Amino acid sequence: MEKVSLFKCNDYEESNVDSAVKAAIDILGGIEQFVSPGQTVVLKANMVMKCEPEKCATTHPSVVAAVGKLALSAGASKVIIADSAGGPFTESYMGAIYKTSGFADIAEKYGFELNQNFNSYKVNMPTARVGKHFLICDCLESADVIINLSKLKTHTFTGYTNAVKNMFGAIPGLSKVEMHGQFRTLDVFGDFIYDILDYFGKKIVLNVTDAVMTMEGAGPTNGTPRKVGAILASANPVCLDTVALKLMNVEPITMPFIEKGIERGYLDKDLNIEVVGDRVEDFVVKDFQCITPDNFKSFAHLPRWAQSTFNKTMTKRPTINKKKCRGCKKCYEHCPVKAISMVETRGSKIKKAEIDYNKCIRCYCCQELCPFGVVKVKSGLIYKLMHRKSSKRIKNKGD
């Protein structure tokens, strides 16, 4: 039976985080089970965008530091902090994130390295389900082992993001846009995420979740911080996500990524997981503001044109507040299907973003990457009627 460790951590004070992280890893066999002397260890954090740790969009640097210190104590020759954010995979772009999100400070303090290898490696996987050819960050390819350090958050497209989705950061920079354009539905996109996990395989030796402060509502970048007060760890990312979802008061099987994980053999259908450490019941946030993802697998048998119609009429859709839009072009530059244009607006000296809903594939990259939070996701009447019962079930589970 797969194990997931769970330990209380009330805040990001260094000694508290160090203690919780060490306990979570020790109960799984200790850091020596995952890191050997002389190895190059890459700590794959969540660095979705440039923002302060307090926003709770990125893995907190204290959690990264705690794992990094343990890796060094096990004899790692190098500990490298790495990720590819939602933007150019370049020294200047990632450097700003390292600094603002607190990773530069912990690297200097504890002797870690910040990834400076911005090359890409071409993967060819003829046996993959959908991701037969894609690019990954060279720093992950050249690592001896990877420790996946995720942040527990809601996600408008996938419902939630944690250990499984965190490995999408292995795709360099703007190649993510291409992948969203290629794998447009949540079902196919989920297969691609699992193709990435299959590619790395046992190189990802450990997964650790920062659930001290999480994000609810309009995640993964514009939601609201919410305290859960926990650190979780497991060798299995799907099992880790399954337990983490329970803390959000979500029935795991309602999330497409968990369903896909069962289908792909990462977890059995009975969700047989042994939780060690503290009790799940002590951390459940019953009024956590969750997201119900769009996942119309039942329409897969329909003609492509019909699937497109269902996607446009029965899903949520992103909307842009024209009054608050600053014309930064982030959404325009990162839309995978070029559904956003910059247009002149009466009374404004700058061009502002506008969405063509006939092209929009509802990936919500615009909402995720808007630095000013002016892109919101709204639900139409048909969508609300279809999801009213399921949303109530997810949010009220355990009440």
Protein backbone atom coordinates (compact mmCIF):
# COMPACT_ATOMS: atom_id res chain seq x y z
CA MET A 1 0.00 0.00 0.00
CA GLU A 2 1.27 3.46 -0.92
CA LYS A 3 2.09 5.85 1.92
CA VAL A 4 1.46 9.57 2.31
CA SER A 5 2.85 11.39 5.31
CA LEU A 6 1.00 14.30 6.85
CA PHE A 7 2.27 16.62 9.57
CA LYS A 8 1.06 19.83 11.15
CA CYS A 9 2.88 23.07 10.36
CA ASN A 10 1.16 26.23 11.56
CA ASP A 11 3.35 28.82 9.85
CA TYR A 12 6.50 29.39 7.79
CA GLU A 13 8.82 30.02 10.72
CA GLU A 14 12.05 28.21 9.84
CA SER A 15 12.22 25.83 12.79
CA ASN A 16 8.56 24.82 12.39
CA VAL A 17 8.93 24.10 8.67
CA ASP A 18 12.22 22.24 9.15
CA SER A 19 10.65 20.07 11.84
CA ALA A 20 7.50 19.26 9.82
CA VAL A 21 9.38 18.54 6.60
CA LYS A 22 11.91 16.30 8.36
CA ALA A 23 9.13 14.41 10.14
CA ALA A 24 7.23 13.93 6.88
CA ILE A 25 10.31 12.53 5.13
CA ASP A 26 11.68 10.54 8.10
CA ILE A 27 8.47 8.54 8.46
CA LEU A 28 8.85 7.48 4.82
CA GLY A 29 12.35 6.14 5.51
CA GLY A 30 14.43 9.31 5.77
CA ILE A 31 16.10 11.49 3.17
CA GLU A 32 18.74 8.76 2.59
CA GLN A 33 15.99 6.69 0.97
CA PHE A 34 15.73 9.30 -1.77
CA VAL A 35 19.14 11.00 -2.07
CA SER A 36 22.56 9.33 -2.29
CA PRO A 37 25.99 10.92 -1.75
CA GLY A 38 27.39 12.68 -4.80
CA GLN A 39 24.08 13.10 -6.59
CA THR A 40 22.84 16.28 -8.27
CA VAL A 41 19.41 17.00 -6.81
CA VAL A 42 16.95 19.32 -8.54
CA LEU A 43 14.24 20.81 -6.34
CA LYS A 44 11.41 21.36 -8.82
CA ALA A 45 9.37 24.11 -7.15
CA ASN A 46 6.21 25.87 -8.35
CA MET A 47 7.29 29.26 -9.76
CA VAL A 48 4.21 30.02 -11.82
CA MET A 49 4.89 33.76 -11.95
CA LYS A 50 6.72 36.66 -10.33
CA CYS A 51 5.04 37.25 -6.98
CA GLU A 52 5.83 37.43 -3.29
CA PRO A 53 5.53 34.26 -1.17
CA GLU A 54 2.63 35.81 0.75
CA LYS A 55 0.41 35.60 -2.33
CA CYS A 56 0.54 31.79 -2.01
CA ALA A 57 0.91 31.18 -5.75
CA THR A 58 4.41 29.69 -5.49
CA THR A 59 6.02 27.06 -3.28
CA HIS A 60 7.13 28.87 -0.14
CA PRO A 61 10.94 29.26 -0.02
CA SER A 62 11.09 27.96 3.56
CA VAL A 63 9.70 24.60 2.40
CA VAL A 64 12.19 24.46 -0.48
CA ALA A 65 14.99 25.35 1.95
CA ALA A 66 13.99 22.64 4.41
CA VAL A 67 14.11 19.94 1.73
CA GLY A 68 17.33 21.33 0.27
CA LYS A 69 19.10 21.26 3.63
CA LEU A 70 18.12 17.62 4.09
CA ALA A 71 19.43 16.77 0.61
CA LEU A 72 22.78 18.36 1.43
CA SER A 73 22.91 16.48 4.72
CA ALA A 74 22.50 13.24 2.74
CA GLY A 75 25.62 14.07 0.74
CA ALA A 76 24.17 15.64 -2.42
CA SER A 77 26.95 17.26 -4.45
CA LYS A 78 24.59 19.95 -5.76
CA VAL A 79 21.12 21.13 -4.86
CA ILE A 80 19.58 23.13 -7.68
CA ILE A 81 16.30 25.05 -7.42
CA ALA A 82 14.51 25.04 -10.75
CA ASP A 83 11.26 25.51 -12.63
CA SER A 84 9.96 27.08 -15.82
CA ALA A 85 7.34 29.75 -15.18
CA GLY A 86 4.51 30.86 -17.42
CA GLY A 87 6.67 33.07 -19.61
CA PRO A 88 10.02 33.10 -21.43
CA PHE A 89 12.48 30.53 -20.11
CA THR A 90 15.36 33.01 -19.91
CA GLU A 91 17.88 34.21 -17.36
CA SER A 92 16.27 37.63 -16.97
CA TYR A 93 12.69 36.38 -16.68
CA MET A 94 13.46 33.59 -14.24
CA GLY A 95 15.94 35.79 -12.35
CA ALA A 96 13.16 38.20 -11.46
CA ILE A 97 11.07 35.31 -10.14
CA TYR A 98 13.98 33.90 -8.13
CA LYS A 99 14.40 37.26 -6.44
CA THR A 100 10.77 38.24 -5.85
CA SER A 101 9.57 34.80 -4.73
CA GLY A 102 12.37 34.39 -2.19
CA PHE A 103 14.40 31.63 -3.86
CA ALA A 104 17.47 33.80 -4.39
CA ASP A 105 17.69 34.51 -0.67
CA ILE A 106 17.58 30.87 0.41
CA ALA A 107 20.07 29.85 -2.29
CA GLU A 108 22.58 32.37 -0.98
CA LYS A 109 21.91 31.51 2.66
CA TYR A 110 22.16 27.72 2.41
CA GLY A 111 24.48 27.14 -0.54
CA PHE A 112 21.92 25.98 -3.10
CA GLU A 113 22.18 26.81 -6.79
CA LEU A 114 19.55 28.59 -8.84
CA ASN A 115 19.13 27.00 -12.23
CA GLN A 116 20.99 28.94 -14.91
CA ASN A 117 20.67 26.30 -17.64
CA PHE A 118 17.91 27.55 -19.91
CA ASN A 119 18.43 25.03 -22.69
CA SER A 120 15.79 22.49 -23.69
CA TYR A 121 15.90 18.80 -24.43
CA LYS A 122 13.73 17.16 -27.11
CA VAL A 123 11.85 14.10 -25.89
CA ASN A 124 10.73 11.37 -28.27
CA MET A 125 8.27 8.92 -26.70
CA PRO A 126 6.66 6.76 -29.40
CA THR A 127 4.88 4.71 -26.71
CA ALA A 128 3.34 7.77 -25.01
CA ARG A 129 -0.42 8.13 -25.17
CA VAL A 130 -0.43 11.69 -26.55
CA GLY A 131 2.91 13.38 -25.78
CA LYS A 132 5.10 11.60 -28.29
CA HIS A 133 7.31 14.64 -28.97
CA PHE A 134 7.87 17.56 -26.63
CA LEU A 135 10.56 19.73 -25.05
CA ILE A 136 11.61 19.61 -21.42
CA CYS A 137 14.00 21.74 -19.41
CA ASP A 138 17.54 20.46 -19.75
CA CYS A 139 18.23 21.00 -16.05
CA LEU A 140 15.69 18.31 -15.20
CA GLU A 141 17.02 15.94 -17.85
CA SER A 142 20.56 16.24 -16.47
CA ALA A 143 19.58 15.81 -12.80
CA ASP A 144 20.35 12.57 -10.97
CA VAL A 145 17.15 12.86 -8.95
CA ILE A 146 14.20 15.27 -8.83
CA ILE A 147 12.25 16.22 -5.72
CA ASN A 148 8.88 17.65 -6.73
CA LEU A 149 7.90 20.53 -4.41
CA SER A 150 4.34 21.62 -5.10
CA LYS A 151 1.93 24.22 -3.77
CA LEU A 152 -1.65 23.12 -3.05
CA LYS A 153 -4.05 25.44 -4.90
CA THR A 154 -7.28 25.57 -6.85
CA HIS A 155 -6.95 25.76 -10.63
CA THR A 156 -9.61 27.09 -12.98
CA PHE A 157 -8.84 24.62 -15.76
CA THR A 158 -7.90 21.44 -13.88
CA GLY A 159 -9.86 21.98 -10.65
CA TYR A 160 -6.77 21.90 -8.48
CA THR A 161 -2.99 21.87 -8.85
CA ASN A 162 -0.46 20.04 -6.73
CA ALA A 163 2.18 17.35 -7.27
CA VAL A 164 0.82 15.91 -10.54
CA LYS A 165 0.20 19.22 -12.30
CA ASN A 166 3.44 20.71 -10.94
CA MET A 167 5.43 18.64 -13.43
CA PHE A 168 3.93 20.65 -16.30
CA GLY A 169 6.65 23.10 -15.27
CA ALA A 170 9.12 20.70 -16.87
CA ILE A 171 7.98 22.13 -20.21
CA PRO A 172 10.16 25.19 -20.97
CA GLY A 173 8.63 28.65 -21.13
CA LEU A 174 6.46 29.38 -24.11
CA SER A 175 6.39 25.72 -25.17
CA LYS A 176 3.61 25.42 -22.57
CA VAL A 177 1.47 27.60 -24.83
CA GLU A 178 2.04 25.19 -27.71
CA MET A 179 1.13 22.21 -25.53
CA HIS A 180 -2.12 23.84 -24.39
CA GLY A 181 -2.96 24.47 -28.03
CA GLN A 182 -2.18 20.88 -28.98
CA PHE A 183 -3.92 19.19 -26.02
CA ARG A 184 -7.04 21.30 -25.71
CA THR A 185 -9.47 19.25 -23.63
CA LEU A 186 -8.90 18.45 -19.97
CA ASP A 187 -8.99 14.72 -20.68
CA VAL A 188 -6.25 14.87 -23.33
CA PHE A 189 -4.25 17.44 -21.36
CA GLY A 190 -4.37 15.07 -18.39
CA ASP A 191 -2.91 12.32 -20.54
CA PHE A 192 -0.08 14.63 -21.50
CA ILE A 193 0.70 15.41 -17.85
CA TYR A 194 0.89 11.68 -17.14
CA ASP A 195 3.09 11.20 -20.19
CA ILE A 196 5.50 13.67 -18.55
CA LEU A 197 5.36 11.70 -15.30
CA ASP A 198 5.93 8.46 -17.22
CA TYR A 199 8.96 9.99 -18.93
CA PHE A 200 10.67 10.98 -15.69
CA GLY A 201 9.56 7.80 -13.92
CA LYS A 202 11.62 6.94 -10.86
CA LYS A 203 13.88 9.96 -11.34
CA ILE A 204 11.18 11.83 -9.38
CA VAL A 205 12.09 10.18 -6.09
CA LEU A 206 9.93 12.24 -3.74
CA ASN A 207 7.01 14.66 -3.77
CA VAL A 208 6.49 17.22 -1.00
CA THR A 209 3.48 19.53 -0.73
CA ASP A 210 3.42 22.99 0.81
CA ALA A 211 -0.08 23.13 2.27
CA VAL A 212 0.73 25.46 5.14
CA MET A 213 -0.98 28.30 3.30
CA THR A 214 -2.90 27.27 0.20
CA MET A 215 -4.99 29.13 -2.37
CA GLU A 216 -8.75 28.90 -2.79
CA GLY A 217 -11.13 30.55 -5.24
CA ALA A 218 -9.70 31.83 -8.52
CA GLY A 219 -6.47 29.83 -8.51
CA PRO A 220 -3.75 29.21 -9.43
CA THR A 221 -2.62 32.86 -9.22
CA ASN A 222 -5.55 35.15 -8.45
CA GLY A 223 -7.28 33.28 -5.65
CA THR A 224 -7.29 33.95 -1.92
CA PRO A 225 -4.73 32.58 0.57
CA ARG A 226 -6.22 29.99 2.92
CA LYS A 227 -4.55 28.31 5.86
CA VAL A 228 -4.54 24.52 6.00
CA GLY A 229 -1.42 24.18 8.15
CA ALA A 230 0.09 21.00 6.76
CA ILE A 231 3.13 19.48 5.06
CA LEU A 232 2.62 16.29 3.04
CA ALA A 233 5.07 13.92 1.36
CA SER A 234 4.97 10.74 -0.71
CA ALA A 235 6.92 8.86 -3.35
CA ASN A 236 3.69 8.71 -5.38
CA PRO A 237 2.38 12.07 -6.69
CA VAL A 238 -1.16 10.83 -7.33
CA CYS A 239 -1.50 9.40 -3.83
CA LEU A 240 -0.18 12.68 -2.46
CA ASP A 241 -2.75 14.66 -4.44
CA THR A 242 -5.52 12.31 -3.33
CA VAL A 243 -4.85 13.03 0.34
CA ALA A 244 -4.25 16.75 -0.27
CA LEU A 245 -7.65 17.08 -1.95
CA LYS A 246 -9.32 15.71 1.17
CA LEU A 247 -7.85 18.61 3.12
CA MET A 248 -9.65 20.92 0.68
CA ASN A 249 -12.88 18.99 1.44
CA VAL A 250 -12.96 17.62 -2.09
CA GLU A 251 -13.85 14.04 -2.97
CA PRO A 252 -10.69 13.05 -4.88
CA ILE A 253 -12.43 10.90 -7.50
CA THR A 254 -14.36 13.98 -8.69
CA MET A 255 -11.11 15.48 -9.96
CA PRO A 256 -10.15 14.45 -13.54
CA PHE A 257 -6.44 14.19 -12.68
CA ILE A 258 -7.16 11.57 -9.99
CA GLU A 259 -9.49 9.68 -12.31
CA LYS A 260 -6.78 9.79 -14.96
CA GLY A 261 -4.17 8.61 -12.45
CA ILE A 262 -6.27 5.54 -11.70
CA GLU A 263 -6.71 4.89 -15.41
CA ARG A 264 -2.95 5.19 -15.95
CA GLY A 265 -2.10 2.80 -13.10
CA TYR A 266 -0.68 5.23 -10.54
CA LEU A 267 -3.37 4.39 -8.00
CA ASP A 268 -5.98 1.64 -7.61
CA LYS A 269 -9.66 2.47 -7.94
CA ASP A 270 -10.30 1.89 -4.24
CA LEU A 271 -7.84 4.67 -3.34
CA ASN A 272 -5.91 2.40 -0.98
CA ILE A 273 -3.49 4.79 0.70
CA GLU A 274 -1.93 4.63 4.15
CA VAL A 275 -1.72 8.07 5.76
CA VAL A 276 1.06 8.20 8.35
CA GLY A 277 1.76 10.96 10.84
CA ASP A 278 -1.20 13.15 11.72
CA ARG A 279 -4.90 12.53 10.98
CA VAL A 280 -6.53 13.84 7.80
CA GLU A 281 -9.66 14.75 9.76
CA ASP A 282 -7.74 17.33 11.79
CA PHE A 283 -6.93 19.41 8.68
CA VAL A 284 -10.11 19.38 6.56
CA VAL A 285 -11.31 22.89 5.72
CA LYS A 286 -15.04 22.35 5.27
CA ASP A 287 -15.81 25.69 3.64
CA PHE A 288 -12.84 25.65 1.25
CA GLN A 289 -13.81 27.52 -1.93
CA CYS A 290 -13.24 24.88 -4.60
CA ILE A 291 -13.47 24.81 -8.40
CA THR A 292 -15.43 22.32 -10.48
CA PRO A 293 -13.41 21.68 -13.65
CA ASP A 294 -14.89 21.22 -17.13
CA ASN A 295 -14.41 17.63 -18.29
CA PHE A 296 -16.90 16.59 -20.93
CA LYS A 297 -15.55 13.12 -21.69
CA SER A 298 -19.08 11.93 -22.41
CA PHE A 299 -19.08 14.02 -25.59
CA ALA A 300 -15.92 12.39 -26.98
CA HIS A 301 -17.94 10.21 -29.36
CA LEU A 302 -19.50 13.25 -31.03
CA PRO A 303 -18.17 14.83 -34.25
CA ARG A 304 -15.47 17.45 -33.75
CA TRP A 305 -17.80 20.32 -34.66
CA ALA A 306 -20.32 19.15 -32.06
CA GLN A 307 -17.62 18.82 -29.39
CA SER A 308 -16.60 22.39 -30.17
CA THR A 309 -20.19 23.58 -29.75
CA PHE A 310 -20.53 21.88 -26.37
CA ASN A 311 -17.20 23.36 -25.28
CA LYS A 312 -18.34 26.87 -26.15
CA THR A 313 -21.84 26.72 -24.63
CA MET A 314 -21.47 24.46 -21.61
CA THR A 315 -18.24 25.68 -20.03
CA LYS A 316 -17.12 28.67 -18.05
CA ARG A 317 -15.43 31.45 -19.98
CA PRO A 318 -12.79 34.07 -19.23
CA THR A 319 -13.81 37.72 -19.23
CA ILE A 320 -11.62 40.82 -19.22
CA ASN A 321 -12.42 43.93 -17.21
CA LYS A 322 -11.76 46.54 -19.90
CA LYS A 323 -11.73 49.40 -17.40
CA LYS A 324 -8.95 47.82 -15.36
CA CYS A 325 -6.96 46.22 -18.19
CA ARG A 326 -3.51 47.86 -18.45
CA GLY A 327 -2.66 46.59 -21.91
CA CYS A 328 0.38 44.62 -20.72
CA LYS A 329 -0.21 41.96 -23.45
CA LYS A 330 0.50 39.02 -21.15
CA CYS A 331 -2.75 37.26 -22.08
CA TYR A 332 -2.31 38.18 -25.74
CA GLU A 333 1.20 36.73 -25.87
CA HIS A 334 0.33 33.50 -24.06
CA CYS A 335 -3.01 32.55 -25.63
CA PRO A 336 -2.32 29.16 -27.29
CA VAL A 337 -4.90 29.62 -30.05
CA LYS A 338 -4.51 33.37 -30.66
CA ALA A 339 -8.04 34.06 -29.44
CA ILE A 340 -7.00 37.38 -27.86
CA SER A 341 -6.31 40.59 -29.73
CA MET A 342 -5.29 44.06 -28.59
CA VAL A 343 -7.86 46.63 -29.66
CA GLU A 344 -8.36 50.35 -29.28
CA THR A 345 -10.87 51.30 -26.61
CA ARG A 346 -12.83 54.52 -26.48
CA GLY A 347 -11.46 56.87 -23.86
CA SER A 348 -8.16 55.00 -23.48
CA LYS A 349 -4.74 55.80 -24.89
CA ILE A 350 -3.66 52.14 -24.84
CA LYS A 351 -4.90 49.06 -26.66
CA LYS A 352 -6.65 46.57 -24.40
CA ALA A 353 -7.24 42.83 -24.60
CA GLU A 354 -10.35 41.37 -26.20
CA ILE A 355 -11.33 37.68 -26.44
CA ASP A 356 -12.77 35.98 -29.53
CA TYR A 357 -14.95 33.27 -27.96
CA ASN A 358 -15.26 31.43 -31.25
CA LYS A 359 -11.53 30.64 -30.95
CA CYS A 360 -11.24 30.38 -27.15
CA ILE A 361 -10.57 26.81 -25.93
CA ARG A 362 -11.18 27.57 -22.22
CA CYS A 363 -7.66 26.76 -21.02
CA TYR A 364 -7.78 29.91 -18.83
CA CYS A 365 -4.10 30.72 -19.38
CA CYS A 366 -5.15 34.37 -19.63
CA GLN A 367 -6.68 34.27 -16.16
CA GLU A 368 -3.70 32.39 -14.74
CA LEU A 369 -1.03 34.73 -16.10
CA CYS A 370 -2.72 38.13 -15.77
CA PRO A 371 -0.41 40.02 -13.36
CA PHE A 372 -3.17 42.44 -12.35
CA GLY A 373 -6.05 40.01 -11.78
CA VAL A 374 -8.39 41.67 -14.28
CA VAL A 375 -9.28 38.42 -16.10
CA LYS A 376 -12.12 36.63 -14.35
CA VAL A 377 -13.85 33.37 -15.17
CA LYS A 378 -17.64 33.50 -15.32
CA SER A 379 -20.27 30.80 -15.72
CA GLY A 380 -23.27 30.96 -18.04
CA LEU A 381 -26.76 29.75 -17.13
CA ILE A 382 -26.41 26.34 -18.82
CA TYR A 383 -23.10 25.73 -17.07
CA LYS A 384 -24.52 26.73 -13.68
CA LEU A 385 -27.48 24.38 -14.06
CA MET A 386 -25.23 21.48 -15.10
CA HIS A 387 -22.79 21.96 -12.25
CA ARG A 388 -25.05 23.09 -9.41
CA LYS A 389 -25.42 19.63 -7.89
CA SER A 390 -21.80 18.58 -8.30
CA SER A 391 -20.49 21.85 -6.88
CA LYS A 392 -22.73 21.51 -3.86
CA ARG A 393 -21.51 17.95 -3.31
CA ILE A 394 -17.86 18.96 -3.50
CA LYS A 395 -18.13 22.00 -1.27
CA ASN A 396 -20.39 20.46 1.36
CA LYS A 397 -18.76 17.06 1.68
CA GLY A 398 -18.36 16.25 5.37
CA ASP A 399 -20.70 18.97 6.65
